[in-house]
Amino acid sequence: MAETRSPFDLSGLTALVTGASRGIGAGCAIALAKSGADLVLAARNANDLETIADEIRQLGRSVNAIAGDVTDGTAMQAAISAAPPIHVLVNNAGTNIPGPFVDVTPEHFDSIMDINVRAAFFIAQAVSARMIEQNIKGSIIHMSSQMGHVGAVNRTVYCTSKHAVEGLTKAMAIELAPHSIRVNSVAPTFIETPMTKPFLDDDAFRQSVLAQIPLGNVGQIEDVTGAVVYLASPASRMVTGSCLKVDGGWTAR
């Protein structure tokens, strides 16, 4: 009997992951490599990026590393143009600066929106343009958040940015569907990462988070990477314009 290829097999595909040097981005890159994909990695920290690249090479996959700031549109566009054909984009780079709404400054607002929305928008634009040019039936995955579906104290700017990402996902999905390019988002709850560690180390904050999650535990990186591999793979070939919530039930209330 002929061997049947798994619908989660990414062999022959190349995935670009932004914010790939640590946390969720690094986890996604490694998970995609384990499923057979080659990688293009983008992040600001060249040393951390090379550490992840080496780990992926040890899995037998090829890696191209882009050490740069995702908010530098000109540099990122040039790097994407020079990269191998990209079949999957994981638009993961993001940031947050919690603070009261009445204290938000223009600089605070711009620093979050520039990374979470503007950079995500134009990186997706550059990748999808190449996909169309090269007739690639690709998958674009925006890393959103449960905060793209609800509100929260001290997170007005972050919620604004992630609600924008959800709107972008839907509009892109409609516009790119005729090119067989799927666009979806993944919306995690609080995940144990270097970015969330300072908050989750505060016991009162951690308990307040757990009280909002019906499953009763904070998420792990592998909870998110499974969703990303699914959306990158042929297993999700009829899924577009959707959000896969990895939130333990937070937004079901």
Foldseek 3Di string as FASTA:
>chain_A
DDDDDDLLAPAPAEEEFEPCLWDLNVVLQQLNLLSHYAYEYEEQDPVSQVVSQVVSVVSVHHYHYHHDDLLPLVSLLVVLVPDDQHAEYELEDFAFDFDAPVPDDPVRLCVGLSRLPVSSVSNVVSNLVSCLVVLHLHEYEYEAAVLLVDPDGRGPSNSVSRVNVLVVQQVCQVVCVVSNYAGEYEHEYAEPTPRCVVQCVPPVSVVVLLVLAVQRDHHYSVLRSVVRSCRGGSVCSVDHSYYHYRYNCNNVD
